[in-house]
Amino acid sequence: MEKFPEMNWSEVARQAFMQRIKDLEFLKKFKSDSTLTEEDALRLGKEVSKSLSNRLRKLRQ
């Protein structure tokens, strides 16, 4: 931050906080509308991670 004193760091932080709040509000609404259980969500997340990992491995070969 000291390397860029011309930056309005309080504004940067404020915008980051606002974006985080928007993201959390979206997730809260998404979760309330969802019929997935936490277990289902974790299982799907693991499947997506595994699939993405395999795809990236293939790209590196």
PDB file of N, CA and C in Angstrom:
ATOM      1  N   MET A   1       0.821  -1.182   0.000  1.00  0.00           N
ATOM      2  CA  MET A   1       0.000   0.000   0.000  1.00  0.00           C
ATOM      3  C   MET A   1       0.870   1.252   0.000  1.00  0.00           C
ATOM      4  N   GLU A   2       2.001   1.162   0.640  1.00  0.00           N
ATOM      5  CA  GLU A   2       2.892   2.313   0.688  1.00  0.00           C
ATOM      6  C   GLU A   2       3.488   2.610  -0.679  1.00  0.00           C
ATOM      7  N   LYS A   3       3.537   1.606  -1.563  1.00  0.00           N
ATOM      8  CA  LYS A   3       4.070   1.818  -2.908  1.00  0.00           C
ATOM      9  C   LYS A   3       3.121   2.616  -3.780  1.00  0.00           C
ATOM     10  N   PHE A   4       1.836   2.668  -3.394  1.00  0.00           N
ATOM     11  CA  PHE A   4       0.833   3.377  -4.177  1.00  0.00           C
ATOM     12  C   PHE A   4       0.058   4.352  -3.288  1.00  0.00           C
ATOM     13  N   PRO A   5       0.723   5.390  -2.804  1.00  0.00           N
ATOM     14  CA  PRO A   5       0.055   6.318  -1.888  1.00  0.00           C
ATOM     15  C   PRO A   5      -1.076   7.105  -2.548  1.00  0.00           C
ATOM     16  N   GLU A   6      -1.067   7.177  -3.869  1.00  0.00           N
ATOM     17  CA  GLU A   6      -2.116   7.926  -4.566  1.00  0.00           C
ATOM     18  C   GLU A   6      -3.459   7.191  -4.562  1.00  0.00           C
ATOM     19  N   MET A   7      -3.449   5.922  -4.191  1.00  0.00           N
ATOM     20  CA  MET A   7      -4.683   5.136  -4.143  1.00  0.00           C
ATOM     21  C   MET A   7      -5.515   5.537  -2.931  1.00  0.00           C
ATOM     22  N   ASN A   8      -6.805   5.584  -3.129  1.00  0.00           N
ATOM     23  CA  ASN A   8      -7.733   5.844  -2.031  1.00  0.00           C
ATOM     24  C   ASN A   8      -8.080   4.483  -1.428  1.00  0.00           C
ATOM     25  N   TRP A   9      -7.244   4.024  -0.519  1.00  0.00           N
ATOM     26  CA  TRP A   9      -7.372   2.671   0.009  1.00  0.00           C
ATOM     27  C   TRP A   9      -8.659   2.457   0.786  1.00  0.00           C
ATOM     28  N   SER A  10      -9.158   3.496   1.427  1.00  0.00           N
ATOM     29  CA  SER A  10     -10.422   3.324   2.151  1.00  0.00           C
ATOM     30  C   SER A  10     -11.564   3.070   1.170  1.00  0.00           C
ATOM     31  N   GLU A  11     -11.509   3.688  -0.012  1.00  0.00           N
ATOM     32  CA  GLU A  11     -12.531   3.438  -1.038  1.00  0.00           C
ATOM     33  C   GLU A  11     -12.385   2.029  -1.605  1.00  0.00           C
ATOM     34  N   VAL A  12     -11.159   1.594  -1.809  1.00  0.00           N
ATOM     35  CA  VAL A  12     -10.915   0.231  -2.291  1.00  0.00           C
ATOM     36  C   VAL A  12     -11.488  -0.775  -1.294  1.00  0.00           C
ATOM     37  N   ALA A  13     -11.223  -0.549  -0.014  1.00  0.00           N
ATOM     38  CA  ALA A  13     -11.739  -1.447   1.024  1.00  0.00           C
ATOM     39  C   ALA A  13     -13.265  -1.397   1.065  1.00  0.00           C
ATOM     40  N   ARG A  14     -13.838  -0.195   0.977  1.00  0.00           N
ATOM     41  CA  ARG A  14     -15.294  -0.056   1.016  1.00  0.00           C
ATOM     42  C   ARG A  14     -15.938  -0.833  -0.128  1.00  0.00           C
ATOM     43  N   GLN A  15     -15.376  -0.706  -1.328  1.00  0.00           N
ATOM     44  CA  GLN A  15     -15.922  -1.433  -2.479  1.00  0.00           C
ATOM     45  C   GLN A  15     -15.779  -2.942  -2.299  1.00  0.00           C
ATOM     46  N   ALA A  16     -14.663  -3.380  -1.747  1.00  0.00           N
ATOM     47  CA  ALA A  16     -14.468  -4.815  -1.498  1.00  0.00           C
ATOM     48  C   ALA A  16     -15.484  -5.322  -0.484  1.00  0.00           C
ATOM     49  N   PHE A  17     -15.740  -4.528   0.559  1.00  0.00           N
ATOM     50  CA  PHE A  17     -16.746  -4.921   1.553  1.00  0.00           C
ATOM     51  C   PHE A  17     -18.125  -5.006   0.924  1.00  0.00           C
ATOM     52  N   MET A  18     -18.465  -4.023   0.094  1.00  0.00           N
ATOM     53  CA  MET A  18     -19.782  -4.005  -0.548  1.00  0.00           C
ATOM     54  C   MET A  18     -19.950  -5.221  -1.466  1.00  0.00           C
ATOM     55  N   GLN A  19     -18.891  -5.570  -2.210  1.00  0.00           N
ATOM     56  CA  GLN A  19     -18.965  -6.730  -3.094  1.00  0.00           C
ATOM     57  C   GLN A  19     -19.135  -8.007  -2.285  1.00  0.00           C
ATOM     58  N   ARG A  20     -18.421  -8.101  -1.182  1.00  0.00           N
ATOM     59  CA  ARG A  20     -18.535  -9.288  -0.323  1.00  0.00           C
ATOM     60  C   ARG A  20     -19.946  -9.407   0.249  1.00  0.00           C
ATOM     61  N   ILE A  21     -20.526  -8.287   0.654  1.00  0.00           N
ATOM     62  CA  ILE A  21     -21.895  -8.290   1.175  1.00  0.00           C
ATOM     63  C   ILE A  21     -22.870  -8.744   0.094  1.00  0.00           C
ATOM     64  N   LYS A  22     -22.700  -8.236  -1.132  1.00  0.00           N
ATOM     65  CA  LYS A  22     -23.564  -8.658  -2.242  1.00  0.00           C
ATOM     66  C   LYS A  22     -23.441 -10.155  -2.485  1.00  0.00           C
ATOM     67  N   ASP A  23     -22.197 -10.652  -2.456  1.00  0.00           N
ATOM     68  CA  ASP A  23     -21.972 -12.086  -2.665  1.00  0.00           C
ATOM     69  C   ASP A  23     -22.659 -12.914  -1.579  1.00  0.00           C
ATOM     70  N   LEU A  24     -22.532 -12.475  -0.328  1.00  0.00           N
ATOM     71  CA  LEU A  24     -23.151 -13.206   0.776  1.00  0.00           C
ATOM     72  C   LEU A  24     -24.674 -13.160   0.695  1.00  0.00           C
ATOM     73  N   GLU A  25     -25.225 -12.007   0.291  1.00  0.00           N
ATOM     74  CA  GLU A  25     -26.678 -11.903   0.133  1.00  0.00           C
ATOM     75  C   GLU A  25     -27.168 -12.842  -0.969  1.00  0.00           C
ATOM     76  N   PHE A  26     -26.406 -12.904  -2.070  1.00  0.00           N
ATOM     77  CA  PHE A  26     -26.762 -13.810  -3.164  1.00  0.00           C
ATOM     78  C   PHE A  26     -26.749 -15.257  -2.682  1.00  0.00           C
ATOM     79  N   LEU A  27     -25.687 -15.633  -1.973  1.00  0.00           N
ATOM     80  CA  LEU A  27     -25.583 -17.009  -1.481  1.00  0.00           C
ATOM     81  C   LEU A  27     -26.705 -17.345  -0.509  1.00  0.00           C
ATOM     82  N   LYS A  28     -27.057 -16.386   0.341  1.00  0.00           N
ATOM     83  CA  LYS A  28     -28.135 -16.615   1.297  1.00  0.00           C
ATOM     84  C   LYS A  28     -29.451 -16.860   0.563  1.00  0.00           C
ATOM     85  N   LYS A  29     -29.746 -16.050  -0.461  1.00  0.00           N
ATOM     86  CA  LYS A  29     -30.976 -16.224  -1.229  1.00  0.00           C
ATOM     87  C   LYS A  29     -30.930 -17.535  -2.015  1.00  0.00           C
ATOM     88  N   PHE A  30     -29.795 -17.813  -2.642  1.00  0.00           N
ATOM     89  CA  PHE A  30     -29.635 -19.042  -3.408  1.00  0.00           C
ATOM     90  C   PHE A  30     -29.869 -20.250  -2.508  1.00  0.00           C
ATOM     91  N   LYS A  31     -29.298 -20.199  -1.323  1.00  0.00           N
ATOM     92  CA  LYS A  31     -29.430 -21.310  -0.380  1.00  0.00           C
ATOM     93  C   LYS A  31     -30.878 -21.477   0.066  1.00  0.00           C
ATOM     94  N   SER A  32     -31.570 -20.376   0.271  1.00  0.00           N
ATOM     95  CA  SER A  32     -32.954 -20.468   0.745  1.00  0.00           C
ATOM     96  C   SER A  32     -33.876 -21.051  -0.323  1.00  0.00           C
ATOM     97  N   ASP A  33     -33.530 -20.843  -1.604  1.00  0.00           N
ATOM     98  CA  ASP A  33     -34.336 -21.368  -2.705  1.00  0.00           C
ATOM     99  C   ASP A  33     -33.948 -22.795  -3.085  1.00  0.00           C
ATOM    100  N   SER A  34     -32.843 -23.285  -2.560  1.00  0.00           N
ATOM    101  CA  SER A  34     -32.300 -24.579  -2.958  1.00  0.00           C
ATOM    102  C   SER A  34     -32.949 -25.730  -2.191  1.00  0.00           C
ATOM    103  N   THR A  35     -33.080 -26.852  -2.890  1.00  0.00           N
ATOM    104  CA  THR A  35     -33.571 -28.062  -2.236  1.00  0.00           C
ATOM    105  C   THR A  35     -32.426 -29.031  -1.934  1.00  0.00           C
ATOM    106  N   LEU A  36     -31.195 -28.644  -2.297  1.00  0.00           N
ATOM    107  CA  LEU A  36     -30.036 -29.482  -2.012  1.00  0.00           C
ATOM    108  C   LEU A  36     -29.744 -29.493  -0.520  1.00  0.00           C
ATOM    109  N   THR A  37     -29.354 -30.645  -0.039  1.00  0.00           N
ATOM    110  CA  THR A  37     -28.885 -30.713   1.342  1.00  0.00           C
ATOM    111  C   THR A  37     -27.413 -30.314   1.355  1.00  0.00           C
ATOM    112  N   GLU A  38     -26.894 -30.031   2.523  1.00  0.00           N
ATOM    113  CA  GLU A  38     -25.479 -29.693   2.629  1.00  0.00           C
ATOM    114  C   GLU A  38     -24.629 -30.870   2.152  1.00  0.00           C
ATOM    115  N   GLU A  39     -25.056 -32.074   2.465  1.00  0.00           N
ATOM    116  CA  GLU A  39     -24.338 -33.280   2.031  1.00  0.00           C
ATOM    117  C   GLU A  39     -24.305 -33.366   0.504  1.00  0.00           C
ATOM    118  N   ASP A  40     -25.450 -33.095  -0.146  1.00  0.00           N
ATOM    119  CA  ASP A  40     -25.510 -33.101  -1.609  1.00  0.00           C
ATOM    120  C   ASP A  40     -24.559 -32.062  -2.199  1.00  0.00           C
ATOM    121  N   ALA A  41     -24.564 -30.873  -1.612  1.00  0.00           N
ATOM    122  CA  ALA A  41     -23.717 -29.791  -2.111  1.00  0.00           C
ATOM    123  C   ALA A  41     -22.244 -30.154  -1.985  1.00  0.00           C
ATOM    124  N   LEU A  42     -21.862 -30.742  -0.868  1.00  0.00           N
ATOM    125  CA  LEU A  42     -20.468 -31.149  -0.683  1.00  0.00           C
ATOM    126  C   LEU A  42     -20.076 -32.229  -1.682  1.00  0.00           C
ATOM    127  N   ARG A  43     -20.965 -33.187  -1.898  1.00  0.00           N
ATOM    128  CA  ARG A  43     -20.689 -34.265  -2.854  1.00  0.00           C
ATOM    129  C   ARG A  43     -20.518 -33.689  -4.259  1.00  0.00           C
ATOM    130  N   LEU A  44     -21.421 -32.794  -4.662  1.00  0.00           N
ATOM    131  CA  LEU A  44     -21.320 -32.186  -5.988  1.00  0.00           C
ATOM    132  C   LEU A  44     -20.046 -31.360  -6.118  1.00  0.00           C
ATOM    133  N   GLY A  45     -19.692 -30.645  -5.060  1.00  0.00           N
ATOM    134  CA  GLY A  45     -18.465 -29.856  -5.077  1.00  0.00           C
ATOM    135  C   GLY A  45     -17.238 -30.725  -5.280  1.00  0.00           C
ATOM    136  N   LYS A  46     -17.210 -31.873  -4.619  1.00  0.00           N
ATOM    137  CA  LYS A  46     -16.085 -32.796  -4.778  1.00  0.00           C
ATOM    138  C   LYS A  46     -16.026 -33.345  -6.197  1.00  0.00           C
ATOM    139  N   GLU A  47     -17.193 -33.659  -6.770  1.00  0.00           N
ATOM    140  CA  GLU A  47     -17.239 -34.162  -8.142  1.00  0.00           C
ATOM    141  C   GLU A  47     -16.736 -33.114  -9.126  1.00  0.00           C
ATOM    142  N   VAL A  48     -17.146 -31.873  -8.941  1.00  0.00           N
ATOM    143  CA  VAL A  48     -16.699 -30.790  -9.824  1.00  0.00           C
ATOM    144  C   VAL A  48     -15.195 -30.598  -9.691  1.00  0.00           C
ATOM    145  N   SER A  49     -14.692 -30.589  -8.472  1.00  0.00           N
ATOM    146  CA  SER A  49     -13.256 -30.421  -8.246  1.00  0.00           C
ATOM    147  C   SER A  49     -12.461 -31.542  -8.906  1.00  0.00           C
ATOM    148  N   LYS A  50     -12.938 -32.768  -8.760  1.00  0.00           N
ATOM    149  CA  LYS A  50     -12.245 -33.914  -9.349  1.00  0.00           C
ATOM    150  C   LYS A  50     -12.254 -33.813 -10.874  1.00  0.00           C
ATOM    151  N   SER A  51     -13.394 -33.459 -11.440  1.00  0.00           N
ATOM    152  CA  SER A  51     -13.508 -33.326 -12.887  1.00  0.00           C
ATOM    153  C   SER A  51     -12.590 -32.225 -13.412  1.00  0.00           C
ATOM    154  N   LEU A  52     -12.575 -31.094 -12.733  1.00  0.00           N
ATOM    155  CA  LEU A  52     -11.722 -29.984 -13.151  1.00  0.00           C
ATOM    156  C   LEU A  52     -10.256 -30.363 -13.040  1.00  0.00           C
ATOM    157  N   SER A  53      -9.899 -31.055 -11.971  1.00  0.00           N
ATOM    158  CA  SER A  53      -8.524 -31.498 -11.784  1.00  0.00           C
ATOM    159  C   SER A  53      -8.097 -32.430 -12.915  1.00  0.00           C
ATOM    160  N   ASN A  54      -8.955 -33.372 -13.280  1.00  0.00           N
ATOM    161  CA  ASN A  54      -8.644 -34.293 -14.377  1.00  0.00           C
ATOM    162  C   ASN A  54      -8.479 -33.545 -15.694  1.00  0.00           C
ATOM    163  N   ARG A  55      -9.361 -32.580 -15.944  1.00  0.00           N
ATOM    164  CA  ARG A  55      -9.284 -31.824 -17.196  1.00  0.00           C
ATOM    165  C   ARG A  55      -7.986 -31.021 -17.261  1.00  0.00           C
ATOM    166  N   LEU A  56      -7.592 -30.401 -16.158  1.00  0.00           N
ATOM    167  CA  LEU A  56      -6.350 -29.627 -16.139  1.00  0.00           C
ATOM    168  C   LEU A  56      -5.133 -30.523 -16.308  1.00  0.00           C
ATOM    169  N   ARG A  57      -5.174 -31.725 -15.711  1.00  0.00           N
ATOM    170  CA  ARG A  57      -4.072 -32.671 -15.889  1.00  0.00           C
ATOM    171  C   ARG A  57      -3.905 -33.042 -17.358  1.00  0.00           C
ATOM    172  N   LYS A  58      -5.026 -33.276 -18.038  1.00  0.00           N
ATOM    173  CA  LYS A  58      -4.981 -33.644 -19.455  1.00  0.00           C
ATOM    174  C   LYS A  58      -4.428 -32.506 -20.299  1.00  0.00           C
ATOM    175  N   LEU A  59      -4.753 -31.279 -19.946  1.00  0.00           N
ATOM    176  CA  LEU A  59      -4.259 -30.128 -20.699  1.00  0.00           C
ATOM    177  C   LEU A  59      -2.751 -29.961 -20.558  1.00  0.00           C
ATOM    178  N   ARG A  60      -2.207 -30.330 -19.404  1.00  0.00           N
ATOM    179  CA  ARG A  60      -0.769 -30.191 -19.170  1.00  0.00           C
ATOM    180  C   ARG A  60       0.044 -31.247 -19.904  1.00  0.00           C
ATOM    181  N   GLN A  61      -0.576 -32.336 -20.316  1.00  0.00           N
ATOM    182  CA  GLN A  61       0.167 -33.431 -20.962  1.00  0.00           C
ATOM    183  C   GLN A  61       0.469 -33.115 -22.392  1.00  0.00           C
TER     184      GLN A  61
END
